[in-house]
Amino acid sequence: MTNDTFQIWWQAYPRKIAKLTAKAAYAKALKLTDADTLLAAVAVYVQHKPETQDYCHPATWLNGGRWEDEYASDVAAPRASTRGILYDCPHATPCASSWACGTRQLAERVA
C-alpha cells in the first residue's frame, strides 16, 4: 500500500473519523481488491446511501467489504426535506438541502 492511494481514498470518503484505524483496514482491504476498486466504490456508496442513515465509519466500511455492496440500478435521486417540504434536486449528485441546491444552481448560472 502506498500512503498516496490511502490519502486519495481518505479524501473521497465522506466521513473523516478514526483515520489510523481506517488506514489499517485499507491495507487489509488491498489484499482482497485494488485501490481503484475501493475509490470507485466510495463514489457509488455516496450516491446510493439513504438520507436517513449516517455514513459508516471508514474502517467499518472497509472491514465489511462494502465495496462489494450491490444497489438497485433504478434508484432515483433522493428527495431532500427542509422544514417538511420535499423538493427534487436536479443535480446528478443530490444536494444535502434545498439551500445547498439553490446556492449550487446560482453558482452554475453565474459561471
PDB file of N, CA and C in Angstrom:
ATOM      1  N   MET A   1       0.853  -1.189   0.000  1.00  0.00           N
ATOM      2  CA  MET A   1       0.000   0.000   0.000  1.00  0.00           C
ATOM      3  C   MET A   1       0.885   1.234   0.000  1.00  0.00           C
ATOM      4  N   THR A   2       0.538   2.154  -0.834  1.00  0.00           N
ATOM      5  CA  THR A   2       1.240   3.426  -0.765  1.00  0.00           C
ATOM      6  C   THR A   2       0.389   4.378   0.052  1.00  0.00           C
ATOM      7  N   ASN A   3       1.052   5.263   0.725  1.00  0.00           N
ATOM      8  CA  ASN A   3       0.341   6.261   1.519  1.00  0.00           C
ATOM      9  C   ASN A   3      -0.509   7.148   0.600  1.00  0.00           C
ATOM     10  N   ASP A   4      -0.035   7.329  -0.647  1.00  0.00           N
ATOM     11  CA  ASP A   4      -0.762   8.178  -1.595  1.00  0.00           C
ATOM     12  C   ASP A   4      -2.143   7.616  -1.927  1.00  0.00           C
ATOM     13  N   THR A   5      -2.222   6.303  -2.172  1.00  0.00           N
ATOM     14  CA  THR A   5      -3.532   5.744  -2.527  1.00  0.00           C
ATOM     15  C   THR A   5      -4.494   5.819  -1.348  1.00  0.00           C
ATOM     16  N   PHE A   6      -3.984   5.621  -0.141  1.00  0.00           N
ATOM     17  CA  PHE A   6      -4.861   5.773   1.021  1.00  0.00           C
ATOM     18  C   PHE A   6      -5.330   7.219   1.152  1.00  0.00           C
ATOM     19  N   GLN A   7      -4.431   8.174   0.975  1.00  0.00           N
ATOM     20  CA  GLN A   7      -4.802   9.595   1.112  1.00  0.00           C
ATOM     21  C   GLN A   7      -5.863   9.985   0.088  1.00  0.00           C
ATOM     22  N   ILE A   8      -5.733   9.483  -1.123  1.00  0.00           N
ATOM     23  CA  ILE A   8      -6.738   9.773  -2.159  1.00  0.00           C
ATOM     24  C   ILE A   8      -8.083   9.171  -1.744  1.00  0.00           C
ATOM     25  N   TRP A   9      -8.055   7.927  -1.274  1.00  0.00           N
ATOM     26  CA  TRP A   9      -9.287   7.277  -0.823  1.00  0.00           C
ATOM     27  C   TRP A   9      -9.881   8.031   0.362  1.00  0.00           C
ATOM     28  N   TRP A  10      -9.037   8.418   1.314  1.00  0.00           N
ATOM     29  CA  TRP A  10      -9.486   9.128   2.515  1.00  0.00           C
ATOM     30  C   TRP A  10     -10.171  10.445   2.142  1.00  0.00           C
ATOM     31  N   GLN A  11      -9.615  11.164   1.174  1.00  0.00           N
ATOM     32  CA  GLN A  11     -10.224  12.431   0.758  1.00  0.00           C
ATOM     33  C   GLN A  11     -11.597  12.200   0.110  1.00  0.00           C
ATOM     34  N   ALA A  12     -11.762  11.075  -0.555  1.00  0.00           N
ATOM     35  CA  ALA A  12     -13.041  10.779  -1.212  1.00  0.00           C
ATOM     36  C   ALA A  12     -14.091  10.285  -0.230  1.00  0.00           C
ATOM     37  N   TYR A  13     -13.661   9.663   0.861  1.00  0.00           N
ATOM     38  CA  TYR A  13     -14.627   9.083   1.794  1.00  0.00           C
ATOM     39  C   TYR A  13     -15.304  10.195   2.585  1.00  0.00           C
ATOM     40  N   PRO A  14     -16.616  10.169   2.714  1.00  0.00           N
ATOM     41  CA  PRO A  14     -17.346  11.300   3.294  1.00  0.00           C
ATOM     42  C   PRO A  14     -17.267  11.458   4.814  1.00  0.00           C
ATOM     43  N   ARG A  15     -16.859  10.454   5.526  1.00  0.00           N
ATOM     44  CA  ARG A  15     -16.830  10.559   6.993  1.00  0.00           C
ATOM     45  C   ARG A  15     -15.392  10.442   7.470  1.00  0.00           C
ATOM     46  N   LYS A  16     -14.873  11.511   8.051  1.00  0.00           N
ATOM     47  CA  LYS A  16     -13.477  11.573   8.483  1.00  0.00           C
ATOM     48  C   LYS A  16     -13.394  11.276   9.980  1.00  0.00           C
ATOM     49  N   ILE A  17     -13.216  10.007  10.307  1.00  0.00           N
ATOM     50  CA  ILE A  17     -13.147   9.596  11.704  1.00  0.00           C
ATOM     51  C   ILE A  17     -12.245   8.363  11.808  1.00  0.00           C
ATOM     52  N   ALA A  18     -11.427   8.307  12.864  1.00  0.00           N
ATOM     53  CA  ALA A  18     -10.544   7.167  13.147  1.00  0.00           C
ATOM     54  C   ALA A  18      -9.632   6.846  11.959  1.00  0.00           C
ATOM     55  N   LYS A  19      -8.841   7.830  11.563  1.00  0.00           N
ATOM     56  CA  LYS A  19      -8.003   7.695  10.375  1.00  0.00           C
ATOM     57  C   LYS A  19      -6.985   6.555  10.490  1.00  0.00           C
ATOM     58  N   LEU A  20      -6.354   6.391  11.641  1.00  0.00           N
ATOM     59  CA  LEU A  20      -5.362   5.319  11.786  1.00  0.00           C
ATOM     60  C   LEU A  20      -6.003   3.940  11.654  1.00  0.00           C
ATOM     61  N   THR A  21      -7.175   3.772  12.220  1.00  0.00           N
ATOM     62  CA  THR A  21      -7.893   2.503  12.107  1.00  0.00           C
ATOM     63  C   THR A  21      -8.302   2.272  10.653  1.00  0.00           C
ATOM     64  N   ALA A  22      -8.728   3.327   9.993  1.00  0.00           N
ATOM     65  CA  ALA A  22      -9.109   3.221   8.581  1.00  0.00           C
ATOM     66  C   ALA A  22      -7.903   2.853   7.725  1.00  0.00           C
ATOM     67  N   LYS A  23      -6.750   3.409   8.058  1.00  0.00           N
ATOM     68  CA  LYS A  23      -5.545   3.116   7.280  1.00  0.00           C
ATOM     69  C   LYS A  23      -5.178   1.632   7.388  1.00  0.00           C
ATOM     70  N   ALA A  24      -5.292   1.072   8.577  1.00  0.00           N
ATOM     71  CA  ALA A  24      -5.015  -0.358   8.771  1.00  0.00           C
ATOM     72  C   ALA A  24      -6.040  -1.207   8.005  1.00  0.00           C
ATOM     73  N   ALA A  25      -7.299  -0.807   8.044  1.00  0.00           N
ATOM     74  CA  ALA A  25      -8.348  -1.538   7.336  1.00  0.00           C
ATOM     75  C   ALA A  25      -8.155  -1.425   5.825  1.00  0.00           C
ATOM     76  N   TYR A  26      -7.678  -0.280   5.372  1.00  0.00           N
ATOM     77  CA  TYR A  26      -7.405  -0.075   3.949  1.00  0.00           C
ATOM     78  C   TYR A  26      -6.308  -1.032   3.471  1.00  0.00           C
ATOM     79  N   ALA A  27      -5.243  -1.144   4.261  1.00  0.00           N
ATOM     80  CA  ALA A  27      -4.144  -2.060   3.914  1.00  0.00           C
ATOM     81  C   ALA A  27      -4.655  -3.497   3.826  1.00  0.00           C
ATOM     82  N   LYS A  28      -5.536  -3.864   4.742  1.00  0.00           N
ATOM     83  CA  LYS A  28      -6.124  -5.202   4.748  1.00  0.00           C
ATOM     84  C   LYS A  28      -7.029  -5.402   3.525  1.00  0.00           C
ATOM     85  N   ALA A  29      -7.794  -4.382   3.180  1.00  0.00           N
ATOM     86  CA  ALA A  29      -8.697  -4.466   2.030  1.00  0.00           C
ATOM     87  C   ALA A  29      -7.920  -4.607   0.719  1.00  0.00           C
ATOM     88  N   LEU A  30      -6.739  -3.996   0.652  1.00  0.00           N
ATOM     89  CA  LEU A  30      -5.932  -4.088  -0.565  1.00  0.00           C
ATOM     90  C   LEU A  30      -5.438  -5.506  -0.839  1.00  0.00           C
ATOM     91  N   LYS A  31      -5.523  -6.374   0.147  1.00  0.00           N
ATOM     92  CA  LYS A  31      -5.179  -7.784  -0.068  1.00  0.00           C
ATOM     93  C   LYS A  31      -6.314  -8.510  -0.791  1.00  0.00           C
ATOM     94  N   LEU A  32      -7.491  -7.898  -0.784  1.00  0.00           N
ATOM     95  CA  LEU A  32      -8.676  -8.510  -1.389  1.00  0.00           C
ATOM     96  C   LEU A  32      -9.082  -7.853  -2.706  1.00  0.00           C
ATOM     97  N   THR A  33      -8.695  -6.609  -2.894  1.00  0.00           N
ATOM     98  CA  THR A  33      -9.080  -5.857  -4.091  1.00  0.00           C
ATOM     99  C   THR A  33      -8.021  -4.799  -4.368  1.00  0.00           C
ATOM    100  N   ASP A  34      -8.242  -3.957  -5.366  1.00  0.00           N
ATOM    101  CA  ASP A  34      -7.245  -2.931  -5.697  1.00  0.00           C
ATOM    102  C   ASP A  34      -7.737  -1.538  -5.308  1.00  0.00           C
ATOM    103  N   ALA A  35      -6.819  -0.591  -5.323  1.00  0.00           N
ATOM    104  CA  ALA A  35      -7.113   0.779  -4.895  1.00  0.00           C
ATOM    105  C   ALA A  35      -8.175   1.443  -5.776  1.00  0.00           C
ATOM    106  N   ASP A  36      -8.140   1.181  -7.082  1.00  0.00           N
ATOM    107  CA  ASP A  36      -9.130   1.776  -7.990  1.00  0.00           C
ATOM    108  C   ASP A  36     -10.546   1.306  -7.673  1.00  0.00           C
ATOM    109  N   THR A  37     -10.681   0.038  -7.329  1.00  0.00           N
ATOM    110  CA  THR A  37     -11.994  -0.512  -6.980  1.00  0.00           C
ATOM    111  C   THR A  37     -12.515   0.147  -5.706  1.00  0.00           C
ATOM    112  N   LEU A  38     -11.639   0.306  -4.713  1.00  0.00           N
ATOM    113  CA  LEU A  38     -12.058   0.938  -3.454  1.00  0.00           C
ATOM    114  C   LEU A  38     -12.501   2.374  -3.686  1.00  0.00           C
ATOM    115  N   LEU A  39     -11.758   3.100  -4.497  1.00  0.00           N
ATOM    116  CA  LEU A  39     -12.089   4.500  -4.761  1.00  0.00           C
ATOM    117  C   LEU A  39     -13.409   4.615  -5.528  1.00  0.00           C
ATOM    118  N   ALA A  40     -13.590   3.798  -6.534  1.00  0.00           N
ATOM    119  CA  ALA A  40     -14.835   3.838  -7.315  1.00  0.00           C
ATOM    120  C   ALA A  40     -16.033   3.452  -6.459  1.00  0.00           C
ATOM    121  N   ALA A  41     -15.841   2.495  -5.565  1.00  0.00           N
ATOM    122  CA  ALA A  41     -16.942   2.032  -4.710  1.00  0.00           C
ATOM    123  C   ALA A  41     -17.394   3.108  -3.730  1.00  0.00           C
ATOM    124  N   VAL A  42     -16.485   3.974  -3.308  1.00  0.00           N
ATOM    125  CA  VAL A  42     -16.869   5.075  -2.412  1.00  0.00           C
ATOM    126  C   VAL A  42     -17.859   5.984  -3.126  1.00  0.00           C
ATOM    127  N   ALA A  43     -17.593   6.302  -4.377  1.00  0.00           N
ATOM    128  CA  ALA A  43     -18.499   7.170  -5.138  1.00  0.00           C
ATOM    129  C   ALA A  43     -19.883   6.539  -5.270  1.00  0.00           C
ATOM    130  N   VAL A  44     -19.924   5.236  -5.502  1.00  0.00           N
ATOM    131  CA  VAL A  44     -21.203   4.532  -5.618  1.00  0.00           C
ATOM    132  C   VAL A  44     -21.921   4.538  -4.264  1.00  0.00           C
ATOM    133  N   TYR A  45     -21.176   4.306  -3.193  1.00  0.00           N
ATOM    134  CA  TYR A  45     -21.752   4.313  -1.843  1.00  0.00           C
ATOM    135  C   TYR A  45     -22.363   5.680  -1.528  1.00  0.00           C
ATOM    136  N   VAL A  46     -21.641   6.737  -1.807  1.00  0.00           N
ATOM    137  CA  VAL A  46     -22.143   8.092  -1.535  1.00  0.00           C
ATOM    138  C   VAL A  46     -23.418   8.355  -2.336  1.00  0.00           C
ATOM    139  N   GLN A  47     -23.445   7.916  -3.557  1.00  0.00           N
ATOM    140  CA  GLN A  47     -24.603   8.149  -4.423  1.00  0.00           C
ATOM    141  C   GLN A  47     -25.848   7.392  -3.949  1.00  0.00           C
ATOM    142  N   HIS A  48     -25.667   6.218  -3.353  1.00  0.00           N
ATOM    143  CA  HIS A  48     -26.810   5.373  -3.004  1.00  0.00           C
ATOM    144  C   HIS A  48     -27.171   5.350  -1.521  1.00  0.00           C
ATOM    145  N   LYS A  49     -26.414   6.012  -0.666  1.00  0.00           N
ATOM    146  CA  LYS A  49     -26.702   5.975   0.767  1.00  0.00           C
ATOM    147  C   LYS A  49     -28.006   6.703   1.047  1.00  0.00           C
ATOM    148  N   PRO A  50     -28.938   6.059   1.725  1.00  0.00           N
ATOM    149  CA  PRO A  50     -30.187   6.744   2.076  1.00  0.00           C
ATOM    150  C   PRO A  50     -29.930   7.941   2.994  1.00  0.00           C
ATOM    151  N   GLU A  51     -30.691   8.990   2.776  1.00  0.00           N
ATOM    152  CA  GLU A  51     -30.523  10.209   3.575  1.00  0.00           C
ATOM    153  C   GLU A  51     -30.736   9.967   5.065  1.00  0.00           C
ATOM    154  N   THR A  52     -31.540   8.999   5.389  1.00  0.00           N
ATOM    155  CA  THR A  52     -31.886   8.761   6.786  1.00  0.00           C
ATOM    156  C   THR A  52     -30.811   7.993   7.546  1.00  0.00           C
ATOM    157  N   GLN A  53     -29.772   7.555   6.866  1.00  0.00           N
ATOM    158  CA  GLN A  53     -28.695   6.808   7.524  1.00  0.00           C
ATOM    159  C   GLN A  53     -27.415   7.636   7.536  1.00  0.00           C
ATOM    160  N   ASP A  54     -26.622   7.445   8.588  1.00  0.00           N
ATOM    161  CA  ASP A  54     -25.306   8.070   8.639  1.00  0.00           C
ATOM    162  C   ASP A  54     -24.342   7.268   7.784  1.00  0.00           C
ATOM    163  N   TYR A  55     -23.261   7.901   7.381  1.00  0.00           N
ATOM    164  CA  TYR A  55     -22.207   7.171   6.685  1.00  0.00           C
ATOM    165  C   TYR A  55     -21.512   6.246   7.675  1.00  0.00           C
ATOM    166  N   CYS A  56     -21.116   5.077   7.207  1.00  0.00           N
ATOM    167  CA  CYS A  56     -20.351   4.144   8.039  1.00  0.00           C
ATOM    168  C   CYS A  56     -19.018   4.779   8.411  1.00  0.00           C
ATOM    169  N   HIS A  57     -18.468   4.367   9.545  1.00  0.00           N
ATOM    170  CA  HIS A  57     -17.088   4.730   9.833  1.00  0.00           C
ATOM    171  C   HIS A  57     -16.244   4.129   8.708  1.00  0.00           C
ATOM    172  N   PRO A  58     -15.177   4.782   8.298  1.00  0.00           N
ATOM    173  CA  PRO A  58     -14.391   4.273   7.182  1.00  0.00           C
ATOM    174  C   PRO A  58     -13.864   2.852   7.405  1.00  0.00           C
ATOM    175  N   ALA A  59     -13.362   2.560   8.604  1.00  0.00           N
ATOM    176  CA  ALA A  59     -12.841   1.214   8.883  1.00  0.00           C
ATOM    177  C   ALA A  59     -13.961   0.176   8.833  1.00  0.00           C
ATOM    178  N   THR A  60     -15.137   0.525   9.296  1.00  0.00           N
ATOM    179  CA  THR A  60     -16.280  -0.384   9.249  1.00  0.00           C
ATOM    180  C   THR A  60     -16.638  -0.699   7.802  1.00  0.00           C
ATOM    181  N   TRP A  61     -16.645   0.327   6.973  1.00  0.00           N
ATOM    182  CA  TRP A  61     -16.953   0.154   5.550  1.00  0.00           C
ATOM    183  C   TRP A  61     -15.928  -0.776   4.896  1.00  0.00           C
ATOM    184  N   LEU A  62     -14.661  -0.541   5.184  1.00  0.00           N
ATOM    185  CA  LEU A  62     -13.590  -1.364   4.600  1.00  0.00           C
ATOM    186  C   LEU A  62     -13.605  -2.786   5.145  1.00  0.00           C
ATOM    187  N   ASN A  63     -13.693  -2.933   6.460  1.00  0.00           N
ATOM    188  CA  ASN A  63     -13.671  -4.268   7.070  1.00  0.00           C
ATOM    189  C   ASN A  63     -14.884  -5.097   6.674  1.00  0.00           C
ATOM    190  N   GLY A  64     -15.965  -4.433   6.358  1.00  0.00           N
ATOM    191  CA  GLY A  64     -17.177  -5.137   5.951  1.00  0.00           C
ATOM    192  C   GLY A  64     -17.202  -5.496   4.473  1.00  0.00           C
ATOM    193  N   GLY A  65     -16.155  -5.142   3.743  1.00  0.00           N
ATOM    194  CA  GLY A  65     -16.138  -5.436   2.305  1.00  0.00           C
ATOM    195  C   GLY A  65     -17.230  -4.706   1.556  1.00  0.00           C
ATOM    196  N   ARG A  66     -17.553  -3.510   2.023  1.00  0.00           N
ATOM    197  CA  ARG A  66     -18.697  -2.775   1.470  1.00  0.00           C
ATOM    198  C   ARG A  66     -18.491  -2.334   0.023  1.00  0.00           C
ATOM    199  N   TRP A  67     -17.267  -2.422  -0.479  1.00  0.00           N
ATOM    200  CA  TRP A  67     -17.046  -2.101  -1.888  1.00  0.00           C
ATOM    201  C   TRP A  67     -17.754  -3.104  -2.790  1.00  0.00           C
ATOM    202  N   GLU A  68     -18.182  -4.233  -2.228  1.00  0.00           N
ATOM    203  CA  GLU A  68     -18.898  -5.246  -2.995  1.00  0.00           C
ATOM    204  C   GLU A  68     -20.420  -5.124  -2.866  1.00  0.00           C
ATOM    205  N   ASP A  69     -20.894  -4.119  -2.141  1.00  0.00           N
ATOM    206  CA  ASP A  69     -22.334  -3.935  -1.991  1.00  0.00           C
ATOM    207  C   ASP A  69     -22.993  -3.759  -3.357  1.00  0.00           C
ATOM    208  N   GLU A  70     -24.207  -4.263  -3.456  1.00  0.00           N
ATOM    209  CA  GLU A  70     -24.984  -4.121  -4.680  1.00  0.00           C
ATOM    210  C   GLU A  70     -26.179  -3.215  -4.388  1.00  0.00           C
ATOM    211  N   TYR A  71     -26.452  -2.325  -5.310  1.00  0.00           N
ATOM    212  CA  TYR A  71     -27.550  -1.376  -5.153  1.00  0.00           C
ATOM    213  C   TYR A  71     -28.516  -1.542  -6.312  1.00  0.00           C
ATOM    214  N   ALA A  72     -29.766  -1.191  -6.063  1.00  0.00           N
ATOM    215  CA  ALA A  72     -30.763  -1.228  -7.131  1.00  0.00           C
ATOM    216  C   ALA A  72     -30.352  -0.239  -8.205  1.00  0.00           C
ATOM    217  N   SER A  73     -30.424  -0.649  -9.457  1.00  0.00           N
ATOM    218  CA  SER A  73     -29.983   0.220 -10.546  1.00  0.00           C
ATOM    219  C   SER A  73     -30.995   1.311 -10.868  1.00  0.00           C
ATOM    220  N   ASP A  74     -32.228   1.141 -10.421  1.00  0.00           N
ATOM    221  CA  ASP A  74     -33.267   2.114 -10.740  1.00  0.00           C
ATOM    222  C   ASP A  74     -33.515   3.106  -9.609  1.00  0.00           C
ATOM    223  N   VAL A  75     -32.499   3.353  -8.792  1.00  0.00           N
ATOM    224  CA  VAL A  75     -32.655   4.280  -7.674  1.00  0.00           C
ATOM    225  C   VAL A  75     -32.730   5.702  -8.214  1.00  0.00           C
ATOM    226  N   ALA A  76     -33.790   6.388  -7.872  1.00  0.00           N
ATOM    227  CA  ALA A  76     -33.933   7.780  -8.275  1.00  0.00           C
ATOM    228  C   ALA A  76     -33.133   8.660  -7.322  1.00  0.00           C
ATOM    229  N   ALA A  77     -32.847   9.860  -7.741  1.00  0.00           N
ATOM    230  CA  ALA A  77     -32.143  10.796  -6.869  1.00  0.00           C
ATOM    231  C   ALA A  77     -32.982  11.004  -5.615  1.00  0.00           C
ATOM    232  N   PRO A  78     -32.347  10.922  -4.442  1.00  0.00           N
ATOM    233  CA  PRO A  78     -33.122  11.075  -3.222  1.00  0.00           C
ATOM    234  C   PRO A  78     -33.760  12.452  -3.124  1.00  0.00           C
ATOM    235  N   ARG A  79     -34.877  12.491  -2.484  1.00  0.00           N
ATOM    236  CA  ARG A  79     -35.552  13.763  -2.256  1.00  0.00           C
ATOM    237  C   ARG A  79     -35.132  14.280  -0.897  1.00  0.00           C
ATOM    238  N   ALA A  80     -34.745  15.519  -0.868  1.00  0.00           N
ATOM    239  CA  ALA A  80     -34.313  16.116   0.388  1.00  0.00           C
ATOM    240  C   ALA A  80     -35.488  16.847   1.012  1.00  0.00           C
ATOM    241  N   SER A  81     -35.439  16.991   2.298  1.00  0.00           N
ATOM    242  CA  SER A  81     -36.513  17.657   3.007  1.00  0.00           C
ATOM    243  C   SER A  81     -35.957  18.831   3.786  1.00  0.00           C
ATOM    244  N   THR A  82     -36.668  19.920   3.738  1.00  0.00           N
ATOM    245  CA  THR A  82     -36.302  21.063   4.550  1.00  0.00           C
ATOM    246  C   THR A  82     -37.592  21.606   5.147  1.00  0.00           C
ATOM    247  N   ARG A  83     -37.662  21.598   6.455  1.00  0.00           N
ATOM    248  CA  ARG A  83     -38.867  22.039   7.163  1.00  0.00           C
ATOM    249  C   ARG A  83     -40.108  21.298   6.690  1.00  0.00           C
ATOM    250  N   GLY A  84     -39.967  20.018   6.383  1.00  0.00           N
ATOM    251  CA  GLY A  84     -41.103  19.209   5.998  1.00  0.00           C
ATOM    252  C   GLY A  84     -41.531  19.348   4.555  1.00  0.00           C
ATOM    253  N   ILE A  85     -40.854  20.213   3.779  1.00  0.00           N
ATOM    254  CA  ILE A  85     -41.205  20.399   2.376  1.00  0.00           C
ATOM    255  C   ILE A  85     -40.226  19.579   1.542  1.00  0.00           C
ATOM    256  N   LEU A  86     -40.759  18.700   0.710  1.00  0.00           N
ATOM    257  CA  LEU A  86     -39.895  17.891  -0.146  1.00  0.00           C
ATOM    258  C   LEU A  86     -39.640  18.632  -1.444  1.00  0.00           C
ATOM    259  N   TYR A  87     -38.436  18.479  -1.962  1.00  0.00           N
ATOM    260  CA  TYR A  87     -38.116  19.067  -3.242  1.00  0.00           C
ATOM    261  C   TYR A  87     -37.279  18.073  -4.028  1.00  0.00           C
ATOM    262  N   ASP A  88     -37.285  18.191  -5.349  1.00  0.00           N
ATOM    263  CA  ASP A  88     -36.490  17.327  -6.210  1.00  0.00           C
ATOM    264  C   ASP A  88     -35.237  18.074  -6.629  1.00  0.00           C
ATOM    265  N   CYS A  89     -34.103  17.512  -6.329  1.00  0.00           N
ATOM    266  CA  CYS A  89     -32.824  18.105  -6.712  1.00  0.00           C
ATOM    267  C   CYS A  89     -32.516  17.695  -8.151  1.00  0.00           C
ATOM    268  N   PRO A  90     -32.220  18.656  -9.023  1.00  0.00           N
ATOM    269  CA  PRO A  90     -31.970  18.325 -10.428  1.00  0.00           C
ATOM    270  C   PRO A  90     -30.544  17.840 -10.714  1.00  0.00           C
ATOM    271  N   HIS A  91     -29.669  17.858  -9.711  1.00  0.00           N
ATOM    272  CA  HIS A  91     -28.265  17.510  -9.927  1.00  0.00           C
ATOM    273  C   HIS A  91     -28.030  16.002  -9.910  1.00  0.00           C
ATOM    274  N   ALA A  92     -27.015  15.561 -10.647  1.00  0.00           N
ATOM    275  CA  ALA A  92     -26.662  14.138 -10.693  1.00  0.00           C
ATOM    276  C   ALA A  92     -26.275  13.644  -9.304  1.00  0.00           C
ATOM    277  N   THR A  93     -25.526  14.466  -8.567  1.00  0.00           N
ATOM    278  CA  THR A  93     -25.206  14.166  -7.176  1.00  0.00           C
ATOM    279  C   THR A  93     -26.111  15.052  -6.338  1.00  0.00           C
ATOM    280  N   PRO A  94     -27.104  14.485  -5.661  1.00  0.00           N
ATOM    281  CA  PRO A  94     -28.097  15.288  -4.947  1.00  0.00           C
ATOM    282  C   PRO A  94     -27.475  16.191  -3.883  1.00  0.00           C
ATOM    283  N   CYS A  95     -28.060  17.357  -3.747  1.00  0.00           N
ATOM    284  CA  CYS A  95     -27.617  18.309  -2.740  1.00  0.00           C
ATOM    285  C   CYS A  95     -28.167  17.907  -1.379  1.00  0.00           C
ATOM    286  N   ALA A  96     -27.515  18.366  -0.329  1.00  0.00           N
ATOM    287  CA  ALA A  96     -27.893  17.992   1.031  1.00  0.00           C
ATOM    288  C   ALA A  96     -29.148  18.720   1.509  1.00  0.00           C
ATOM    289  N   SER A  97     -29.445  19.874   0.948  1.00  0.00           N
ATOM    290  CA  SER A  97     -30.608  20.641   1.398  1.00  0.00           C
ATOM    291  C   SER A  97     -31.094  21.529   0.253  1.00  0.00           C
ATOM    292  N   SER A  98     -32.269  22.097   0.431  1.00  0.00           N
ATOM    293  CA  SER A  98     -32.780  22.994  -0.593  1.00  0.00           C
ATOM    294  C   SER A  98     -31.906  24.241  -0.686  1.00  0.00           C
ATOM    295  N   TRP A  99     -31.383  24.695   0.451  1.00  0.00           N
ATOM    296  CA  TRP A  99     -30.496  25.855   0.446  1.00  0.00           C
ATOM    297  C   TRP A  99     -29.237  25.549  -0.350  1.00  0.00           C
ATOM    298  N   ALA A 100     -28.622  24.384  -0.116  1.00  0.00           N
ATOM    299  CA  ALA A 100     -27.417  23.999  -0.839  1.00  0.00           C
ATOM    300  C   ALA A 100     -27.705  23.874  -2.331  1.00  0.00           C
ATOM    301  N   CYS A 101     -28.859  23.337  -2.664  1.00  0.00           N
ATOM    302  CA  CYS A 101     -29.239  23.165  -4.062  1.00  0.00           C
ATOM    303  C   CYS A 101     -29.404  24.526  -4.736  1.00  0.00           C
ATOM    304  N   GLY A 102     -30.088  25.434  -4.055  1.00  0.00           N
ATOM    305  CA  GLY A 102     -30.279  26.780  -4.602  1.00  0.00           C
ATOM    306  C   GLY A 102     -28.965  27.513  -4.783  1.00  0.00           C
ATOM    307  N   THR A 103     -28.066  27.384  -3.806  1.00  0.00           N
ATOM    308  CA  THR A 103     -26.749  28.018  -3.893  1.00  0.00           C
ATOM    309  C   THR A 103     -25.971  27.438  -5.066  1.00  0.00           C
ATOM    310  N   ARG A 104     -26.054  26.130  -5.227  1.00  0.00           N
ATOM    311  CA  ARG A 104     -25.357  25.466  -6.327  1.00  0.00           C
ATOM    312  C   ARG A 104     -25.912  25.910  -7.685  1.00  0.00           C
ATOM    313  N   GLN A 105     -27.226  26.013  -7.782  1.00  0.00           N
ATOM    314  CA  GLN A 105     -27.836  26.449  -9.035  1.00  0.00           C
ATOM    315  C   GLN A 105     -27.446  27.889  -9.365  1.00  0.00           C
ATOM    316  N   LEU A 106     -27.383  28.741  -8.349  1.00  0.00           N
ATOM    317  CA  LEU A 106     -26.969  30.124  -8.551  1.00  0.00           C
ATOM    318  C   LEU A 106     -25.531  30.180  -9.039  1.00  0.00           C
ATOM    319  N   ALA A 107     -24.662  29.398  -8.439  1.00  0.00           N
ATOM    320  CA  ALA A 107     -23.259  29.365  -8.852  1.00  0.00           C
ATOM    321  C   ALA A 107     -23.118  28.872 -10.288  1.00  0.00           C
ATOM    322  N   GLU A 108     -23.946  27.904 -10.668  1.00  0.00           N
ATOM    323  CA  GLU A 108     -23.901  27.382 -12.037  1.00  0.00           C
ATOM    324  C   GLU A 108     -24.349  28.433 -13.046  1.00  0.00           C
ATOM    325  N   ARG A 109     -25.311  29.261 -12.662  1.00  0.00           N
ATOM    326  CA  ARG A 109     -25.767  30.316 -13.566  1.00  0.00           C
ATOM    327  C   ARG A 109     -24.731  31.405 -13.724  1.00  0.00           C
ATOM    328  N   VAL A 110     -24.016  31.720 -12.650  1.00  0.00           N
ATOM    329  CA  VAL A 110     -23.002  32.773 -12.671  1.00  0.00           C
ATOM    330  C   VAL A 110     -21.784  32.330 -13.477  1.00  0.00           C
ATOM    331  N   ALA A 111     -21.467  31.028 -13.382  1.00  0.00           N
ATOM    332  CA  ALA A 111     -20.240  30.523 -14.055  1.00  0.00           C
ATOM    333  C   ALA A 111     -20.364  30.465 -15.545  1.00  0.00           C
TER     334      ALA A 111
END
